[in-house]
PDB file of all heavy atoms in Angstrom:
ATOM      1  N   MET A   1      13.349  -2.241  34.938  1.00  0.00           N
ATOM      2  CA  MET A   1      12.440  -2.604  33.847  1.00  0.00           C
ATOM      3  C   MET A   1      13.125  -2.263  32.534  1.00  0.00           C
ATOM      4  O   MET A   1      13.632  -1.172  32.315  1.00  0.00           O
ATOM      5  CB  MET A   1      11.134  -1.850  33.972  1.00  0.00           C
ATOM      6  CG  MET A   1      10.302  -2.282  35.147  1.00  0.00           C
ATOM      7  SD  MET A   1       8.770  -1.373  35.297  1.00  0.00           S
ATOM      8  CE  MET A   1       8.080  -1.497  33.707  1.00  0.00           C
ATOM      9  N   MET A   2      13.152  -3.229  31.629  1.00  0.00           N
ATOM     10  CA  MET A   2      13.742  -3.018  30.313  1.00  0.00           C
ATOM     11  C   MET A   2      12.768  -3.561  29.263  1.00  0.00           C
ATOM     12  O   MET A   2      12.108  -4.535  29.477  1.00  0.00           O
ATOM     13  CB  MET A   2      15.048  -3.780  30.173  1.00  0.00           C
ATOM     14  CG  MET A   2      16.095  -3.263  31.085  1.00  0.00           C
ATOM     15  SD  MET A   2      17.611  -4.191  30.756  1.00  0.00           S
ATOM     16  CE  MET A   2      18.718  -3.390  31.830  1.00  0.00           C
ATOM     17  N   THR A   3      12.738  -2.904  28.151  1.00  0.00           N
ATOM     18  CA  THR A   3      11.924  -3.348  27.012  1.00  0.00           C
ATOM     19  C   THR A   3      12.838  -3.508  25.831  1.00  0.00           C
ATOM     20  O   THR A   3      13.600  -2.647  25.433  1.00  0.00           O
ATOM     21  CB  THR A   3      10.849  -2.279  26.710  1.00  0.00           C
ATOM     22  OG1 THR A   3      10.101  -2.050  27.878  1.00  0.00           O
ATOM     23  CG2 THR A   3       9.955  -2.732  25.581  1.00  0.00           C
ATOM     24  N   PHE A   4      12.763  -4.701  25.246  1.00  0.00           N
ATOM     25  CA  PHE A   4      13.546  -5.007  24.068  1.00  0.00           C
ATOM     26  C   PHE A   4      12.537  -5.174  22.882  1.00  0.00           C
ATOM     27  O   PHE A   4      11.559  -5.877  23.008  1.00  0.00           O
ATOM     28  CB  PHE A   4      14.349  -6.285  24.236  1.00  0.00           C
ATOM     29  CG  PHE A   4      15.401  -6.157  25.312  1.00  0.00           C
ATOM     30  CD1 PHE A   4      15.159  -6.643  26.598  1.00  0.00           C
ATOM     31  CD2 PHE A   4      16.608  -5.531  25.064  1.00  0.00           C
ATOM     32  CE1 PHE A   4      16.111  -6.536  27.568  1.00  0.00           C
ATOM     33  CE2 PHE A   4      17.543  -5.414  26.058  1.00  0.00           C
ATOM     34  CZ  PHE A   4      17.306  -5.940  27.296  1.00  0.00           C
ATOM     35  N   THR A   5      12.899  -4.578  21.778  1.00  0.00           N
ATOM     36  CA  THR A   5      12.058  -4.729  20.587  1.00  0.00           C
ATOM     37  C   THR A   5      12.964  -5.112  19.429  1.00  0.00           C
ATOM     38  O   THR A   5      14.134  -4.790  19.396  1.00  0.00           O
ATOM     39  CB  THR A   5      11.305  -3.448  20.251  1.00  0.00           C
ATOM     40  OG1 THR A   5      12.244  -2.383  20.052  1.00  0.00           O
ATOM     41  CG2 THR A   5      10.341  -3.072  21.346  1.00  0.00           C
ATOM     42  N   ARG A   6      12.380  -5.765  18.464  1.00  0.00           N
ATOM     43  CA  ARG A   6      13.077  -6.106  17.214  1.00  0.00           C
ATOM     44  C   ARG A   6      12.224  -5.702  16.078  1.00  0.00           C
ATOM     45  O   ARG A   6      11.022  -5.730  16.155  1.00  0.00           O
ATOM     46  CB  ARG A   6      13.331  -7.615  17.168  1.00  0.00           C
ATOM     47  CG  ARG A   6      14.425  -8.045  18.081  1.00  0.00           C
ATOM     48  CD  ARG A   6      14.643  -9.534  17.975  1.00  0.00           C
ATOM     49  NE  ARG A   6      14.943  -9.940  16.625  1.00  0.00           N
ATOM     50  CZ  ARG A   6      15.232 -11.171  16.270  1.00  0.00           C
ATOM     51  NH1 ARG A   6      15.177 -12.100  17.168  1.00  0.00           N
ATOM     52  NH2 ARG A   6      15.480 -11.492  15.031  1.00  0.00           N
ATOM     53  N   GLY A   7      12.810  -5.382  14.994  1.00  0.00           N
ATOM     54  CA  GLY A   7      12.075  -5.074  13.791  1.00  0.00           C
ATOM     55  C   GLY A   7      12.620  -3.838  13.101  1.00  0.00           C
ATOM     56  O   GLY A   7      13.646  -3.289  13.476  1.00  0.00           O
ATOM     57  N   ALA A   8      11.904  -3.477  12.069  1.00  0.00           N
ATOM     58  CA  ALA A   8      12.363  -2.383  11.193  1.00  0.00           C
ATOM     59  C   ALA A   8      12.505  -1.055  11.935  1.00  0.00           C
ATOM     60  O   ALA A   8      13.508  -0.359  11.752  1.00  0.00           O
ATOM     61  CB  ALA A   8      11.449  -2.236  10.007  1.00  0.00           C
ATOM     62  N   ALA A   9      11.571  -0.752  12.800  1.00  0.00           N
ATOM     63  CA  ALA A   9      11.660   0.539  13.534  1.00  0.00           C
ATOM     64  C   ALA A   9      12.875   0.567  14.440  1.00  0.00           C
ATOM     65  O   ALA A   9      13.603   1.535  14.463  1.00  0.00           O
ATOM     66  CB  ALA A   9      10.381   0.744  14.327  1.00  0.00           C
ATOM     67  N   CYS A  10      13.069  -0.504  15.158  1.00  0.00           N
ATOM     68  CA  CYS A  10      14.209  -0.561  16.080  1.00  0.00           C
ATOM     69  C   CYS A  10      15.501  -0.539  15.310  1.00  0.00           C
ATOM     70  O   CYS A  10      16.452   0.157  15.680  1.00  0.00           O
ATOM     71  CB  CYS A  10      14.121  -1.814  16.933  1.00  0.00           C
ATOM     72  SG  CYS A  10      15.453  -1.956  18.133  1.00  0.00           S
ATOM     73  N   GLU A  11      15.599  -1.294  14.218  1.00  0.00           N
ATOM     74  CA  GLU A  11      16.820  -1.355  13.429  1.00  0.00           C
ATOM     75  C   GLU A  11      17.136  -0.033  12.820  1.00  0.00           C
ATOM     76  O   GLU A  11      18.301   0.402  12.805  1.00  0.00           O
ATOM     77  CB  GLU A  11      16.695  -2.433  12.350  1.00  0.00           C
ATOM     78  CG  GLU A  11      17.939  -2.607  11.555  1.00  0.00           C
ATOM     79  CD  GLU A  11      17.845  -3.730  10.544  1.00  0.00           C
ATOM     80  OE1 GLU A  11      16.899  -4.515  10.619  1.00  0.00           O
ATOM     81  OE2 GLU A  11      18.735  -3.790   9.707  1.00  0.00           O
ATOM     82  N   SER A  12      16.133   0.658  12.305  1.00  0.00           N
ATOM     83  CA  SER A  12      16.375   1.920  11.627  1.00  0.00           C
ATOM     84  C   SER A  12      16.830   2.982  12.627  1.00  0.00           C
ATOM     85  O   SER A  12      17.591   3.868  12.325  1.00  0.00           O
ATOM     86  CB  SER A  12      15.164   2.399  10.880  1.00  0.00           C
ATOM     87  OG  SER A  12      14.108   2.706  11.759  1.00  0.00           O
ATOM     88  N   LEU A  13      16.381   2.902  13.881  1.00  0.00           N
ATOM     89  CA  LEU A  13      16.819   3.855  14.899  1.00  0.00           C
ATOM     90  C   LEU A  13      18.257   3.551  15.314  1.00  0.00           C
ATOM     91  O   LEU A  13      19.051   4.474  15.549  1.00  0.00           O
ATOM     92  CB  LEU A  13      15.895   3.835  16.124  1.00  0.00           C
ATOM     93  CG  LEU A  13      14.512   4.383  15.897  1.00  0.00           C
ATOM     94  CD1 LEU A  13      13.666   4.107  17.135  1.00  0.00           C
ATOM     95  CD2 LEU A  13      14.566   5.869  15.581  1.00  0.00           C
ATOM     96  N   ALA A  14      18.566   2.288  15.471  1.00  0.00           N
ATOM     97  CA  ALA A  14      19.875   1.886  15.957  1.00  0.00           C
ATOM     98  C   ALA A  14      20.953   2.049  14.878  1.00  0.00           C
ATOM     99  O   ALA A  14      22.055   2.469  15.153  1.00  0.00           O
ATOM    100  CB  ALA A  14      19.849   0.458  16.445  1.00  0.00           C
ATOM    101  N   ASN A  15      20.632   1.724  13.649  1.00  0.00           N
ATOM    102  CA  ASN A  15      21.542   1.760  12.543  1.00  0.00           C
ATOM    103  C   ASN A  15      20.859   2.322  11.319  1.00  0.00           C
ATOM    104  O   ASN A  15      20.348   1.566  10.489  1.00  0.00           O
ATOM    105  CB  ASN A  15      22.109   0.336  12.230  1.00  0.00           C
ATOM    106  CG  ASN A  15      22.899  -0.199  13.378  1.00  0.00           C
ATOM    107  OD1 ASN A  15      23.790   0.473  13.836  1.00  0.00           O
ATOM    108  ND2 ASN A  15      22.530  -1.386  13.840  1.00  0.00           N
ATOM    109  N   PRO A  16      20.880   3.594  11.098  1.00  0.00           N
ATOM    110  CA  PRO A  16      20.199   4.184   9.959  1.00  0.00           C
ATOM    111  C   PRO A  16      20.700   3.618   8.614  1.00  0.00           C
ATOM    112  O   PRO A  16      19.927   3.531   7.694  1.00  0.00           O
ATOM    113  CB  PRO A  16      20.493   5.669  10.065  1.00  0.00           C
ATOM    114  CG  PRO A  16      21.026   5.908  11.440  1.00  0.00           C
ATOM    115  CD  PRO A  16      21.506   4.593  11.945  1.00  0.00           C
ATOM    116  N   ALA A  17      21.960   3.288   8.510  1.00  0.00           N
ATOM    117  CA  ALA A  17      22.484   2.766   7.257  1.00  0.00           C
ATOM    118  C   ALA A  17      23.130   1.409   7.572  1.00  0.00           C
ATOM    119  O   ALA A  17      24.308   1.343   7.905  1.00  0.00           O
ATOM    120  CB  ALA A  17      23.512   3.704   6.637  1.00  0.00           C
ATOM    121  N   PRO A  18      22.388   0.303   7.472  1.00  0.00           N
ATOM    122  CA  PRO A  18      22.992  -1.021   7.790  1.00  0.00           C
ATOM    123  C   PRO A  18      24.107  -1.338   6.838  1.00  0.00           C
ATOM    124  O   PRO A  18      24.090  -0.941   5.659  1.00  0.00           O
ATOM    125  CB  PRO A  18      21.799  -1.997   7.645  1.00  0.00           C
ATOM    126  CG  PRO A  18      20.770  -1.296   6.830  1.00  0.00           C
ATOM    127  CD  PRO A  18      21.012   0.166   7.017  1.00  0.00           C
ATOM    128  N   PRO A  19      25.117  -2.091   7.288  1.00  0.00           N
ATOM    129  CA  PRO A  19      26.237  -2.420   6.460  1.00  0.00           C
ATOM    130  C   PRO A  19      25.773  -3.331   5.292  1.00  0.00           C
ATOM    131  O   PRO A  19      24.850  -4.091   5.448  1.00  0.00           O
ATOM    132  CB  PRO A  19      27.181  -3.175   7.380  1.00  0.00           C
ATOM    133  CG  PRO A  19      26.333  -3.664   8.514  1.00  0.00           C
ATOM    134  CD  PRO A  19      25.215  -2.671   8.639  1.00  0.00           C
ATOM    135  N   SER A  20      26.472  -3.201   4.162  1.00  0.00           N
ATOM    136  CA  SER A  20      26.096  -4.068   3.046  1.00  0.00           C
ATOM    137  C   SER A  20      26.543  -5.491   3.288  1.00  0.00           C
ATOM    138  O   SER A  20      27.417  -5.770   4.125  1.00  0.00           O
ATOM    139  CB  SER A  20      26.813  -3.530   1.762  1.00  0.00           C
ATOM    140  OG  SER A  20      28.220  -3.614   1.949  1.00  0.00           O
ATOM    141  N   GLY A  21      25.875  -6.408   2.641  1.00  0.00           N
ATOM    142  CA  GLY A  21      26.253  -7.811   2.764  1.00  0.00           C
ATOM    143  C   GLY A  21      25.307  -8.585   3.689  1.00  0.00           C
ATOM    144  O   GLY A  21      25.585  -9.708   4.013  1.00  0.00           O
ATOM    145  N   GLY A  22      24.179  -8.045   4.086  1.00  0.00           N
ATOM    146  CA  GLY A  22      23.278  -8.828   4.868  1.00  0.00           C
ATOM    147  C   GLY A  22      22.516  -8.029   5.881  1.00  0.00           C
ATOM    148  O   GLY A  22      22.824  -6.886   6.128  1.00  0.00           O
ATOM    149  N   ALA A  23      21.510  -8.663   6.448  1.00  0.00           N
ATOM    150  CA  ALA A  23      20.663  -8.019   7.419  1.00  0.00           C
ATOM    151  C   ALA A  23      21.338  -8.007   8.809  1.00  0.00           C
ATOM    152  O   ALA A  23      22.188  -8.841   9.079  1.00  0.00           O
ATOM    153  CB  ALA A  23      19.334  -8.745   7.512  1.00  0.00           C
ATOM    154  N   ARG A  24      20.981  -7.028   9.594  1.00  0.00           N
ATOM    155  CA  ARG A  24      21.507  -6.973  10.952  1.00  0.00           C
ATOM    156  C   ARG A  24      20.768  -7.915  11.902  1.00  0.00           C
ATOM    157  O   ARG A  24      21.325  -8.382  12.840  1.00  0.00           O
ATOM    158  CB  ARG A  24      21.295  -5.559  11.465  1.00  0.00           C
ATOM    159  CG  ARG A  24      22.309  -4.737  11.607  1.00  0.00           C
ATOM    160  CD  ARG A  24      23.436  -4.186  11.961  1.00  0.00           C
ATOM    161  NE  ARG A  24      23.727  -3.947  13.319  1.00  0.00           N
ATOM    162  CZ  ARG A  24      24.869  -4.264  13.844  1.00  0.00           C
ATOM    163  NH1 ARG A  24      25.776  -4.848  13.122  1.00  0.00           N
ATOM    164  NH2 ARG A  24      25.125  -4.030  15.054  1.00  0.00           N
ATOM    165  N   TRP A  25      19.474  -8.112  11.629  1.00  0.00           N
ATOM    166  CA  TRP A  25      18.659  -8.937  12.550  1.00  0.00           C
ATOM    167  C   TRP A  25      18.373 -10.258  11.870  1.00  0.00           C
ATOM    168  O   TRP A  25      18.253 -10.368  10.703  1.00  0.00           O
ATOM    169  CB  TRP A  25      17.344  -8.222  12.869  1.00  0.00           C
ATOM    170  CG  TRP A  25      17.532  -6.987  13.601  1.00  0.00           C
ATOM    171  CD1 TRP A  25      17.633  -5.700  13.050  1.00  0.00           C
ATOM    172  CD2 TRP A  25      17.756  -6.796  14.972  1.00  0.00           C
ATOM    173  NE1 TRP A  25      17.862  -4.779  14.044  1.00  0.00           N
ATOM    174  CE2 TRP A  25      17.932  -5.430  15.246  1.00  0.00           C
ATOM    175  CE3 TRP A  25      17.786  -7.641  16.079  1.00  0.00           C
ATOM    176  CZ2 TRP A  25      18.124  -4.906  16.496  1.00  0.00           C
ATOM    177  CZ3 TRP A  25      17.984  -7.131  17.309  1.00  0.00           C
ATOM    178  CH2 TRP A  25      18.159  -5.802  17.526  1.00  0.00           C
ATOM    179  N   SER A  26      18.246 -11.245  12.695  1.00  0.00           N
ATOM    180  CA  SER A  26      17.989 -12.566  12.175  1.00  0.00           C
ATOM    181  C   SER A  26      16.858 -13.192  12.983  1.00  0.00           C
ATOM    182  O   SER A  26      16.141 -12.528  13.694  1.00  0.00           O
ATOM    183  CB  SER A  26      19.241 -13.413  12.216  1.00  0.00           C
ATOM    184  OG  SER A  26      18.962 -14.694  11.619  1.00  0.00           O
ATOM    185  N   HIS A  27      16.775 -14.512  12.935  1.00  0.00           N
ATOM    186  CA  HIS A  27      15.715 -15.215  13.606  1.00  0.00           C
ATOM    187  C   HIS A  27      16.267 -15.997  14.801  1.00  0.00           C
ATOM    188  O   HIS A  27      17.475 -16.054  15.031  1.00  0.00           O
ATOM    189  CB  HIS A  27      15.072 -16.170  12.610  1.00  0.00           C
ATOM    190  CG  HIS A  27      16.079 -16.996  11.846  1.00  0.00           C
ATOM    191  ND1 HIS A  27      16.836 -16.476  10.865  1.00  0.00           N
ATOM    192  CD2 HIS A  27      16.498 -18.271  12.033  1.00  0.00           C
ATOM    193  CE1 HIS A  27      17.657 -17.399  10.437  1.00  0.00           C
ATOM    194  NE2 HIS A  27      17.485 -18.466  11.117  1.00  0.00           N
ATOM    195  N   HIS A  28      15.412 -16.665  15.537  1.00  0.00           N
ATOM    196  CA  HIS A  28      15.768 -17.476  16.676  1.00  0.00           C
ATOM    197  C   HIS A  28      16.508 -16.753  17.722  1.00  0.00           C
ATOM    198  O   HIS A  28      17.375 -17.316  18.420  1.00  0.00           O
ATOM    199  CB  HIS A  28      16.547 -18.708  16.197  1.00  0.00           C
ATOM    200  CG  HIS A  28      15.836 -19.609  15.242  1.00  0.00           C
ATOM    201  ND1 HIS A  28      14.789 -20.410  15.652  1.00  0.00           N
ATOM    202  CD2 HIS A  28      15.943 -19.773  13.923  1.00  0.00           C
ATOM    203  CE1 HIS A  28      14.329 -21.020  14.614  1.00  0.00           C
ATOM    204  NE2 HIS A  28      15.005 -20.667  13.541  1.00  0.00           N
ATOM    205  N   GLY A  29      16.212 -15.473  17.934  1.00  0.00           N
ATOM    206  CA  GLY A  29      16.702 -14.763  19.094  1.00  0.00           C
ATOM    207  C   GLY A  29      18.174 -14.342  19.062  1.00  0.00           C
ATOM    208  O   GLY A  29      18.712 -14.035  20.096  1.00  0.00           O
ATOM    209  N   HIS A  30      18.786 -14.316  17.930  1.00  0.00           N
ATOM    210  CA  HIS A  30      20.148 -13.795  17.886  1.00  0.00           C
ATOM    211  C   HIS A  30      20.383 -12.911  16.710  1.00  0.00           C
ATOM    212  O   HIS A  30      19.610 -13.007  15.728  1.00  0.00           O
ATOM    213  CB  HIS A  30      21.191 -14.931  18.010  1.00  0.00           C
ATOM    214  CG  HIS A  30      21.215 -15.779  16.743  1.00  0.00           C
ATOM    215  ND1 HIS A  30      20.430 -16.875  16.573  1.00  0.00           N
ATOM    216  CD2 HIS A  30      21.995 -15.726  15.646  1.00  0.00           C
ATOM    217  CE1 HIS A  30      20.694 -17.430  15.422  1.00  0.00           C
ATOM    218  NE2 HIS A  30      21.646 -16.768  14.814  1.00  0.00           N
ATOM    219  N   SER A  31      21.390 -12.121  16.733  1.00  0.00           N
ATOM    220  CA  SER A  31      21.676 -11.237  15.622  1.00  0.00           C
ATOM    221  C   SER A  31      22.959 -11.676  14.936  1.00  0.00           C
ATOM    222  O   SER A  31      23.791 -12.365  15.453  1.00  0.00           O
ATOM    223  CB  SER A  31      21.827  -9.797  16.121  1.00  0.00           C
ATOM    224  OG  SER A  31      22.886  -9.689  17.010  1.00  0.00           O
ATOM    225  N   HIS A  32      23.069 -11.195  13.679  1.00  0.00           N
ATOM    226  CA  HIS A  32      24.249 -11.489  12.879  1.00  0.00           C
ATOM    227  C   HIS A  32      24.984 -10.170  12.645  1.00  0.00           C
ATOM    228  O   HIS A  32      24.390  -9.247  12.094  1.00  0.00           O
ATOM    229  CB  HIS A  32      23.837 -12.128  11.542  1.00  0.00           C
ATOM    230  CG  HIS A  32      23.212 -13.442  11.690  1.00  0.00           C
ATOM    231  ND1 HIS A  32      23.901 -14.621  11.687  1.00  0.00           N
ATOM    232  CD2 HIS A  32      21.925 -13.782  11.916  1.00  0.00           C
ATOM    233  CE1 HIS A  32      23.069 -15.624  11.869  1.00  0.00           C
ATOM    234  NE2 HIS A  32      21.850 -15.142  12.024  1.00  0.00           N
ATOM    235  N   GLY A  33      26.224 -10.116  13.025  1.00  0.00           N
ATOM    236  CA  GLY A  33      26.992  -8.911  12.808  1.00  0.00           C
ATOM    237  C   GLY A  33      27.647  -8.894  11.426  1.00  0.00           C
ATOM    238  O   GLY A  33      27.504  -9.822  10.659  1.00  0.00           O
ATOM    239  N   PRO A  34      28.403  -7.869  11.158  1.00  0.00           N
ATOM    240  CA  PRO A  34      29.097  -7.769   9.858  1.00  0.00           C
ATOM    241  C   PRO A  34      30.074  -8.928   9.674  1.00  0.00           C
ATOM    242  O   PRO A  34      30.733  -9.355  10.601  1.00  0.00           O
ATOM    243  CB  PRO A  34      29.821  -6.461   9.913  1.00  0.00           C
ATOM    244  CG  PRO A  34      29.365  -5.768  11.128  1.00  0.00           C
ATOM    245  CD  PRO A  34      28.645  -6.752  12.005  1.00  0.00           C
ATOM    246  N   GLY A  35      30.132  -9.437   8.486  1.00  0.00           N
ATOM    247  CA  GLY A  35      31.110 -10.510   8.144  1.00  0.00           C
ATOM    248  C   GLY A  35      30.641 -11.891   8.458  1.00  0.00           C
ATOM    249  O   GLY A  35      31.424 -12.842   8.222  1.00  0.00           O
ATOM    250  N   THR A  36      29.435 -12.088   8.944  1.00  0.00           N
ATOM    251  CA  THR A  36      28.975 -13.463   9.212  1.00  0.00           C
ATOM    252  C   THR A  36      28.350 -14.014   7.945  1.00  0.00           C
ATOM    253  O   THR A  36      27.765 -13.321   7.161  1.00  0.00           O
ATOM    254  CB  THR A  36      27.962 -13.492  10.333  1.00  0.00           C
ATOM    255  OG1 THR A  36      26.868 -12.660  10.013  1.00  0.00           O
ATOM    256  CG2 THR A  36      28.575 -13.044  11.641  1.00  0.00           C
ATOM    257  N   ARG A  37      28.497 -15.318   7.792  1.00  0.00           N
ATOM    258  CA  ARG A  37      27.933 -16.003   6.630  1.00  0.00           C
ATOM    259  C   ARG A  37      26.524 -16.430   6.910  1.00  0.00           C
ATOM    260  O   ARG A  37      26.173 -16.798   8.027  1.00  0.00           O
ATOM    261  CB  ARG A  37      28.784 -17.191   6.301  1.00  0.00           C
ATOM    262  CG  ARG A  37      30.168 -16.850   5.863  1.00  0.00           C
ATOM    263  CD  ARG A  37      30.965 -18.034   5.402  1.00  0.00           C
ATOM    264  NE  ARG A  37      30.407 -19.293   5.846  1.00  0.00           N
ATOM    265  CZ  ARG A  37      31.059 -20.425   5.861  1.00  0.00           C
ATOM    266  NH1 ARG A  37      32.287 -20.472   5.448  1.00  0.00           N
ATOM    267  NH2 ARG A  37      30.519 -21.545   6.274  1.00  0.00           N
ATOM    268  N   PRO A  38      25.635 -16.430   5.882  1.00  0.00           N
ATOM    269  CA  PRO A  38      24.263 -16.923   6.078  1.00  0.00           C
ATOM    270  C   PRO A  38      24.320 -18.398   6.439  1.00  0.00           C
ATOM    271  O   PRO A  38      25.187 -19.139   6.007  1.00  0.00           O
ATOM    272  CB  PRO A  38      23.621 -16.710   4.724  1.00  0.00           C
ATOM    273  CG  PRO A  38      24.495 -15.770   3.986  1.00  0.00           C
ATOM    274  CD  PRO A  38      25.865 -15.913   4.561  1.00  0.00           C
ATOM    275  N   HIS A  39      23.373 -18.810   7.258  1.00  0.00           N
ATOM    276  CA  HIS A  39      23.260 -20.197   7.654  1.00  0.00           C
ATOM    277  C   HIS A  39      21.828 -20.518   8.009  1.00  0.00           C
ATOM    278  O   HIS A  39      20.990 -19.631   8.165  1.00  0.00           O
ATOM    279  CB  HIS A  39      24.199 -20.526   8.812  1.00  0.00           C
ATOM    280  CG  HIS A  39      23.873 -19.760  10.068  1.00  0.00           C
ATOM    281  ND1 HIS A  39      24.406 -18.478  10.273  1.00  0.00           N
ATOM    282  CD2 HIS A  39      23.127 -20.039  11.115  1.00  0.00           C
ATOM    283  CE1 HIS A  39      23.938 -18.047  11.411  1.00  0.00           C
ATOM    284  NE2 HIS A  39      23.182 -18.984  11.950  1.00  0.00           N
TER     285      HIS A  39
END
């Protein structure tokens, strides 16, 4: 059994200081890592 969550609480626990230049989480079920361009 696994539980996956998304949102501010999950993000702040996983990465207390997100990298500059964009959000770590995005929409449509995928994430954007460092260095990706907005689309």
